[in-house]
PDB file of N, CA and C in Angstrom:
ATOM      1  N   MET A   1      43.117  62.162   9.820  1.00  0.00           N
ATOM      2  CA  MET A   1      44.444  62.306   9.008  1.00  0.00           C
ATOM      3  C   MET A   1      45.335  60.885   9.590  1.00  0.00           C
ATOM      4  N   HIS A   2      45.401  60.744  11.076  1.00  0.00           N
ATOM      5  CA  HIS A   2      46.322  59.816  11.438  1.00  0.00           C
ATOM      6  C   HIS A   2      45.675  58.377  10.855  1.00  0.00           C
ATOM      7  N   SER A   3      44.564  58.155  10.932  1.00  0.00           N
ATOM      8  CA  SER A   3      44.188  56.793  10.380  1.00  0.00           C
ATOM      9  C   SER A   3      44.510  56.434   8.921  1.00  0.00           C
ATOM     10  N   ALA A   4      44.591  57.721   8.156  1.00  0.00           N
ATOM     11  CA  ALA A   4      44.900  57.265   6.634  1.00  0.00           C
ATOM     12  C   ALA A   4      46.438  57.045   6.701  1.00  0.00           C
ATOM     13  N   GLU A   5      47.304  57.815   7.410  1.00  0.00           N
ATOM     14  CA  GLU A   5      48.642  57.432   7.535  1.00  0.00           C
ATOM     15  C   GLU A   5      48.869  56.029   8.187  1.00  0.00           C
ATOM     16  N   LYS A   6      48.112  55.627   9.161  1.00  0.00           N
ATOM     17  CA  LYS A   6      48.383  54.383   9.771  1.00  0.00           C
ATOM     18  C   LYS A   6      47.655  53.345   8.884  1.00  0.00           C
ATOM     19  N   LYS A   7      46.884  53.537   7.985  1.00  0.00           N
ATOM     20  CA  LYS A   7      46.305  52.543   6.996  1.00  0.00           C
ATOM     21  C   LYS A   7      47.259  52.386   5.599  1.00  0.00           C
ATOM     22  N   TYR A   8      47.605  53.575   5.168  1.00  0.00           N
ATOM     23  CA  TYR A   8      48.265  53.556   3.824  1.00  0.00           C
ATOM     24  C   TYR A   8      49.926  53.748   4.054  1.00  0.00           C
ATOM     25  N   GLY A   9      50.430  54.042   5.263  1.00  0.00           N
ATOM     26  CA  GLY A   9      51.995  54.141   5.417  1.00  0.00           C
ATOM     27  C   GLY A   9      52.053  55.764   5.455  1.00  0.00           C
ATOM     28  N   LYS A  10      53.308  55.917   5.765  1.00  0.00           N
ATOM     29  CA  LYS A  10      53.729  57.326   5.729  1.00  0.00           C
ATOM     30  C   LYS A  10      54.461  57.892   4.463  1.00  0.00           C
ATOM     31  N   LYS A  11      54.776  56.944   3.419  1.00  0.00           N
ATOM     32  CA  LYS A  11      55.593  57.176   2.448  1.00  0.00           C
ATOM     33  C   LYS A  11      54.850  57.750   1.096  1.00  0.00           C
ATOM     34  N   ARG A  12      53.409  57.276   1.098  1.00  0.00           N
ATOM     35  CA  ARG A  12      52.712  57.397  -0.001  1.00  0.00           C
ATOM     36  C   ARG A  12      51.934  58.792   0.156  1.00  0.00           C
ATOM     37  N   PRO A  13      51.750  59.589  -0.773  1.00  0.00           N
ATOM     38  CA  PRO A  13      50.889  60.694  -0.686  1.00  0.00           C
ATOM     39  C   PRO A  13      49.551  60.546  -0.417  1.00  0.00           C
ATOM     40  N   ILE A  14      48.628  61.269   0.245  1.00  0.00           N
ATOM     41  CA  ILE A  14      47.309  61.284   0.670  1.00  0.00           C
ATOM     42  C   ILE A  14      46.795  62.170  -0.523  1.00  0.00           C
ATOM     43  N   ILE A  15      45.818  61.561  -1.176  1.00  0.00           N
ATOM     44  CA  ILE A  15      45.044  62.295  -2.241  1.00  0.00           C
ATOM     45  C   ILE A  15      43.649  62.305  -2.095  1.00  0.00           C
ATOM     46  N   ILE A  16      42.981  63.616  -2.041  1.00  0.00           N
ATOM     47  CA  ILE A  16      41.597  63.860  -1.746  1.00  0.00           C
ATOM     48  C   ILE A  16      40.987  64.464  -2.938  1.00  0.00           C
ATOM     49  N   SER A  17      39.681  64.376  -2.939  1.00  0.00           N
ATOM     50  CA  SER A  17      38.952  65.286  -3.869  1.00  0.00           C
ATOM     51  C   SER A  17      38.135  66.473  -3.025  1.00  0.00           C
ATOM     52  N   ALA A  18      38.825  67.782  -3.088  1.00  0.00           N
ATOM     53  CA  ALA A  18      38.250  68.596  -1.998  1.00  0.00           C
ATOM     54  C   ALA A  18      37.200  69.722  -2.684  1.00  0.00           C
ATOM     55  N   GLN A  19      36.230  70.079  -2.051  1.00  0.00           N
ATOM     56  CA  GLN A  19      35.458  71.096  -2.463  1.00  0.00           C
ATOM     57  C   GLN A  19      36.373  72.534  -2.505  1.00  0.00           C
ATOM     58  N   VAL A  20      36.092  73.174  -3.545  1.00  0.00           N
ATOM     59  CA  VAL A  20      36.911  74.336  -3.751  1.00  0.00           C
ATOM     60  C   VAL A  20      36.862  75.351  -2.804  1.00  0.00           C
ATOM     61  N   TYR A  21      35.552  75.552  -2.000  1.00  0.00           N
ATOM     62  CA  TYR A  21      35.391  76.606  -1.023  1.00  0.00           C
ATOM     63  C   TYR A  21      36.349  76.222   0.121  1.00  0.00           C
ATOM     64  N   LEU A  22      36.856  74.939   0.219  1.00  0.00           N
ATOM     65  CA  LEU A  22      37.639  74.528   1.585  1.00  0.00           C
ATOM     66  C   LEU A  22      39.104  74.582   0.975  1.00  0.00           C
ATOM     67  N   LEU A  23      39.302  75.086  -0.061  1.00  0.00           N
ATOM     68  CA  LEU A  23      40.719  75.117  -0.627  1.00  0.00           C
ATOM     69  C   LEU A  23      41.682  75.609   0.338  1.00  0.00           C
ATOM     70  N   SER A  24      41.623  76.754   0.923  1.00  0.00           N
ATOM     71  CA  SER A  24      42.540  77.310   1.880  1.00  0.00           C
ATOM     72  C   SER A  24      42.555  76.586   3.133  1.00  0.00           C
ATOM     73  N   PHE A  25      41.508  75.928   3.675  1.00  0.00           N
ATOM     74  CA  PHE A  25      41.701  74.971   4.732  1.00  0.00           C
ATOM     75  C   PHE A  25      42.514  73.897   4.578  1.00  0.00           C
ATOM     76  N   TYR A  26      42.392  73.218   3.412  1.00  0.00           N
ATOM     77  CA  TYR A  26      43.211  71.994   3.181  1.00  0.00           C
ATOM     78  C   TYR A  26      44.700  72.269   2.983  1.00  0.00           C
ATOM     79  N   GLU A  27      44.856  73.696   2.398  1.00  0.00           N
ATOM     80  CA  GLU A  27      46.311  74.129   2.355  1.00  0.00           C
ATOM     81  C   GLU A  27      46.879  74.327   3.428  1.00  0.00           C
ATOM     82  N   SER A  28      46.068  74.856   4.431  1.00  0.00           N
ATOM     83  CA  SER A  28      46.667  74.815   5.827  1.00  0.00           C
ATOM     84  C   SER A  28      47.153  73.837   6.518  1.00  0.00           C
ATOM     85  N   LEU A  29      46.624  72.410   6.014  1.00  0.00           N
ATOM     86  CA  LEU A  29      46.950  71.243   6.562  1.00  0.00           C
ATOM     87  C   LEU A  29      48.268  70.786   5.569  1.00  0.00           C
ATOM     88  N   GLY A  30      48.502  71.393   4.602  1.00  0.00           N
ATOM     89  CA  GLY A  30      49.753  71.021   3.839  1.00  0.00           C
ATOM     90  C   GLY A  30      49.246  70.383   2.502  1.00  0.00           C
ATOM     91  N   PHE A  31      48.171  70.248   2.128  1.00  0.00           N
ATOM     92  CA  PHE A  31      47.573  69.771   1.044  1.00  0.00           C
ATOM     93  C   PHE A  31      48.024  70.729  -0.249  1.00  0.00           C
ATOM     94  N   VAL A  32      48.220  70.378  -1.487  1.00  0.00           N
ATOM     95  CA  VAL A  32      48.692  71.023  -2.577  1.00  0.00           C
ATOM     96  C   VAL A  32      47.599  70.702  -3.613  1.00  0.00           C
ATOM     97  N   PRO A  33      46.881  71.714  -4.284  1.00  0.00           N
ATOM     98  CA  PRO A  33      45.881  71.552  -5.366  1.00  0.00           C
ATOM     99  C   PRO A  33      46.686  71.012  -6.473  1.00  0.00           C
ATOM    100  N   GLU A  34      46.168  70.242  -7.131  1.00  0.00           N
ATOM    101  CA  GLU A  34      46.652  69.536  -8.663  1.00  0.00           C
ATOM    102  C   GLU A  34      45.613  69.558  -9.546  1.00  0.00           C
ATOM    103  N   GLY A  35      45.800  69.964 -10.618  1.00  0.00           N
ATOM    104  CA  GLY A  35      45.024  69.992 -12.061  1.00  0.00           C
ATOM    105  C   GLY A  35      43.881  71.083 -11.857  1.00  0.00           C
ATOM    106  N   GLU A  36      42.898  70.814 -12.722  1.00  0.00           N
ATOM    107  CA  GLU A  36      41.729  71.750 -13.128  1.00  0.00           C
ATOM    108  C   GLU A  36      40.828  71.347 -12.124  1.00  0.00           C
ATOM    109  N   HIS A  37      39.885  72.497 -11.699  1.00  0.00           N
ATOM    110  CA  HIS A  37      38.592  72.375 -11.018  1.00  0.00           C
ATOM    111  C   HIS A  37      37.551  71.436 -11.881  1.00  0.00           C
ATOM    112  N   TYR A  38      36.845  70.682 -11.180  1.00  0.00           N
ATOM    113  CA  TYR A  38      35.894  69.673 -11.904  1.00  0.00           C
ATOM    114  C   TYR A  38      34.641  69.824 -10.944  1.00  0.00           C
ATOM    115  N   LEU A  39      33.481  69.294 -11.763  1.00  0.00           N
ATOM    116  CA  LEU A  39      32.092  69.118 -10.943  1.00  0.00           C
ATOM    117  C   LEU A  39      31.979  67.679 -10.500  1.00  0.00           C
ATOM    118  N   GLU A  40      31.588  67.614  -9.338  1.00  0.00           N
ATOM    119  CA  GLU A  40      31.231  66.433  -8.587  1.00  0.00           C
ATOM    120  C   GLU A  40      29.898  66.665  -7.914  1.00  0.00           C
ATOM    121  N   ASP A  41      28.895  66.000  -8.284  1.00  0.00           N
ATOM    122  CA  ASP A  41      27.659  66.160  -7.712  1.00  0.00           C
ATOM    123  C   ASP A  41      27.214  67.700  -7.691  1.00  0.00           C
ATOM    124  N   ASN A  42      27.446  68.293  -8.894  1.00  0.00           N
ATOM    125  CA  ASN A  42      27.173  69.779  -9.205  1.00  0.00           C
ATOM    126  C   ASN A  42      28.005  70.630  -8.183  1.00  0.00           C
ATOM    127  N   ILE A  43      29.059  70.195  -7.568  1.00  0.00           N
ATOM    128  CA  ILE A  43      29.712  71.024  -6.786  1.00  0.00           C
ATOM    129  C   ILE A  43      31.138  71.029  -7.281  1.00  0.00           C
ATOM    130  N   GLU A  44      31.706  72.250  -7.299  1.00  0.00           N
ATOM    131  CA  GLU A  44      33.126  72.432  -7.791  1.00  0.00           C
ATOM    132  C   GLU A  44      34.164  71.739  -6.918  1.00  0.00           C
ATOM    133  N   HIS A  45      34.954  70.900  -7.220  1.00  0.00           N
ATOM    134  CA  HIS A  45      36.017  70.236  -6.638  1.00  0.00           C
ATOM    135  C   HIS A  45      37.348  70.565  -7.250  1.00  0.00           C
ATOM    136  N   VAL A  46      38.464  70.077  -6.692  1.00  0.00           N
ATOM    137  CA  VAL A  46      39.862  70.095  -7.200  1.00  0.00           C
ATOM    138  C   VAL A  46      40.561  68.840  -6.403  1.00  0.00           C
ATOM    139  N   LYS A  47      41.404  68.125  -7.165  1.00  0.00           N
ATOM    140  CA  LYS A  47      42.357  67.183  -6.656  1.00  0.00           C
ATOM    141  C   LYS A  47      43.352  67.862  -5.727  1.00  0.00           C
ATOM    142  N   MET A  48      43.555  67.252  -4.525  1.00  0.00           N
ATOM    143  CA  MET A  48      44.591  67.979  -3.623  1.00  0.00           C
ATOM    144  C   MET A  48      45.332  66.670  -3.172  1.00  0.00           C
ATOM    145  N   VAL A  49      46.727  66.974  -2.894  1.00  0.00           N
ATOM    146  CA  VAL A  49      47.660  65.779  -2.467  1.00  0.00           C
ATOM    147  C   VAL A  49      48.345  66.344  -1.396  1.00  0.00           C
ATOM    148  N   LEU A  50      48.626  65.380  -0.463  1.00  0.00           N
ATOM    149  CA  LEU A  50      49.311  65.700   0.672  1.00  0.00           C
ATOM    150  C   LEU A  50      50.737  64.892   0.757  1.00  0.00           C
ATOM    151  N   TYR A  51      51.805  65.449   0.360  1.00  0.00           N
ATOM    152  CA  TYR A  51      53.024  64.719   0.310  1.00  0.00           C
ATOM    153  C   TYR A  51      53.545  64.470   1.743  1.00  0.00           C
ATOM    154  N   VAL A  52      53.612  63.378   2.110  1.00  0.00           N
ATOM    155  CA  VAL A  52      53.934  63.001   3.586  1.00  0.00           C
ATOM    156  C   VAL A  52      55.595  62.985   3.740  1.00  0.00           C
ATOM    157  N   ALA A  53      56.172  63.750   4.413  1.00  0.00           N
ATOM    158  CA  ALA A  53      57.640  63.833   4.630  1.00  0.00           C
ATOM    159  C   ALA A  53      58.089  62.728   5.575  1.00  0.00           C
ATOM    160  N   LYS A  54      59.102  62.083   5.283  1.00  0.00           N
ATOM    161  CA  LYS A  54      59.674  61.063   6.072  1.00  0.00           C
ATOM    162  C   LYS A  54      60.376  61.662   7.392  1.00  0.00           C
ATOM    163  N   LYS A  55      60.067  61.063   8.308  1.00  0.00           N
ATOM    164  CA  LYS A  55      60.464  61.479   9.796  1.00  0.00           C
ATOM    165  C   LYS A  55      61.851  61.168   9.809  1.00  0.00           C
ATOM    166  N   ASN A  56      62.879  62.156  10.425  1.00  0.00           N
ATOM    167  CA  ASN A  56      64.126  61.920  10.877  1.00  0.00           C
ATOM    168  C   ASN A  56      64.255  61.070  12.262  1.00  0.00           C
ATOM    169  N   LYS A  57      65.287  60.337  12.345  1.00  0.00           N
ATOM    170  CA  LYS A  57      65.397  59.740  13.677  1.00  0.00           C
ATOM    171  C   LYS A  57      66.543  60.428  14.412  1.00  0.00           C
ATOM    172  N   ILE A  58      66.353  60.533  15.718  1.00  0.00           N
ATOM    173  CA  ILE A  58      67.180  61.591  16.480  1.00  0.00           C
ATOM    174  C   ILE A  58      67.798  60.526  17.454  1.00  0.00           C
ATOM    175  N   LYS A  59      68.977  60.321  17.292  1.00  0.00           N
ATOM    176  CA  LYS A  59      69.833  59.361  18.411  1.00  0.00           C
ATOM    177  C   LYS A  59      70.681  60.342  19.267  1.00  0.00           C
ATOM    178  N   LYS A  60      70.508  60.101  20.650  1.00  0.00           N
ATOM    179  CA  LYS A  60      71.268  60.857  21.665  1.00  0.00           C
ATOM    180  C   LYS A  60      72.841  60.186  21.719  1.00  0.00           C
ATOM    181  N   ARG A  61      73.695  61.298  21.880  1.00  0.00           N
ATOM    182  CA  ARG A  61      74.979  60.846  21.732  1.00  0.00           C
ATOM    183  C   ARG A  61      75.709  61.479  23.037  1.00  0.00           C
ATOM    184  N   GLU A  62      76.867  60.975  23.208  1.00  0.00           N
ATOM    185  CA  GLU A  62      77.432  61.434  24.555  1.00  0.00           C
ATOM    186  C   GLU A  62      77.440  63.113  24.628  1.00  0.00           C
ATOM    187  N   TYR A  63      77.921  63.763  23.325  1.00  0.00           N
ATOM    188  CA  TYR A  63      78.053  65.280  23.326  1.00  0.00           C
ATOM    189  C   TYR A  63      76.969  65.814  22.567  1.00  0.00           C
ATOM    190  N   GLY A  64      75.610  65.495  22.737  1.00  0.00           N
ATOM    191  CA  GLY A  64      74.568  66.009  22.029  1.00  0.00           C
ATOM    192  C   GLY A  64      73.834  64.938  21.300  1.00  0.00           C
ATOM    193  N   TYR A  65      73.126  65.648  20.054  1.00  0.00           N
ATOM    194  CA  TYR A  65      72.244  64.888  19.358  1.00  0.00           C
ATOM    195  C   TYR A  65      72.839  64.744  18.009  1.00  0.00           C
ATOM    196  N   CYS A  66      72.477  63.439  17.263  1.00  0.00           N
ATOM    197  CA  CYS A  66      72.623  63.124  16.027  1.00  0.00           C
ATOM    198  C   CYS A  66      71.344  63.168  15.352  1.00  0.00           C
ATOM    199  N   ILE A  67      71.139  63.654  14.169  1.00  0.00           N
ATOM    200  CA  ILE A  67      69.893  63.267  13.251  1.00  0.00           C
ATOM    201  C   ILE A  67      70.439  62.379  12.238  1.00  0.00           C
ATOM    202  N   ASN A  68      69.673  61.267  12.145  1.00  0.00           N
ATOM    203  CA  ASN A  68      69.875  60.390  11.012  1.00  0.00           C
ATOM    204  C   ASN A  68      68.884  60.652   9.782  1.00  0.00           C
ATOM    205  N   HIS A  69      69.346  60.722   8.705  1.00  0.00           N
ATOM    206  CA  HIS A  69      68.425  60.706   7.500  1.00  0.00           C
ATOM    207  C   HIS A  69      68.242  59.486   6.738  1.00  0.00           C
ATOM    208  N   ASP A  70      67.606  58.585   7.311  1.00  0.00           N
ATOM    209  CA  ASP A  70      67.408  57.205   6.855  1.00  0.00           C
ATOM    210  C   ASP A  70      66.558  57.287   5.496  1.00  0.00           C
TER     211      ASP A  70
END
């Protein structure tokens, strides 16, 4: 997962073709199924997308922390 983020950036969604029996596994990683199931190599698949959230920058201030939403 980290290599995909490194290669394609953190702002683009990550799209995969997942075997249906692994649906709950990919959902546990944050992927969301999109569209209908389809056959690929005679195995049922579904398109899944991981929408990568933008990280917030945290700056230390004299009296606490400030979160910047850039």
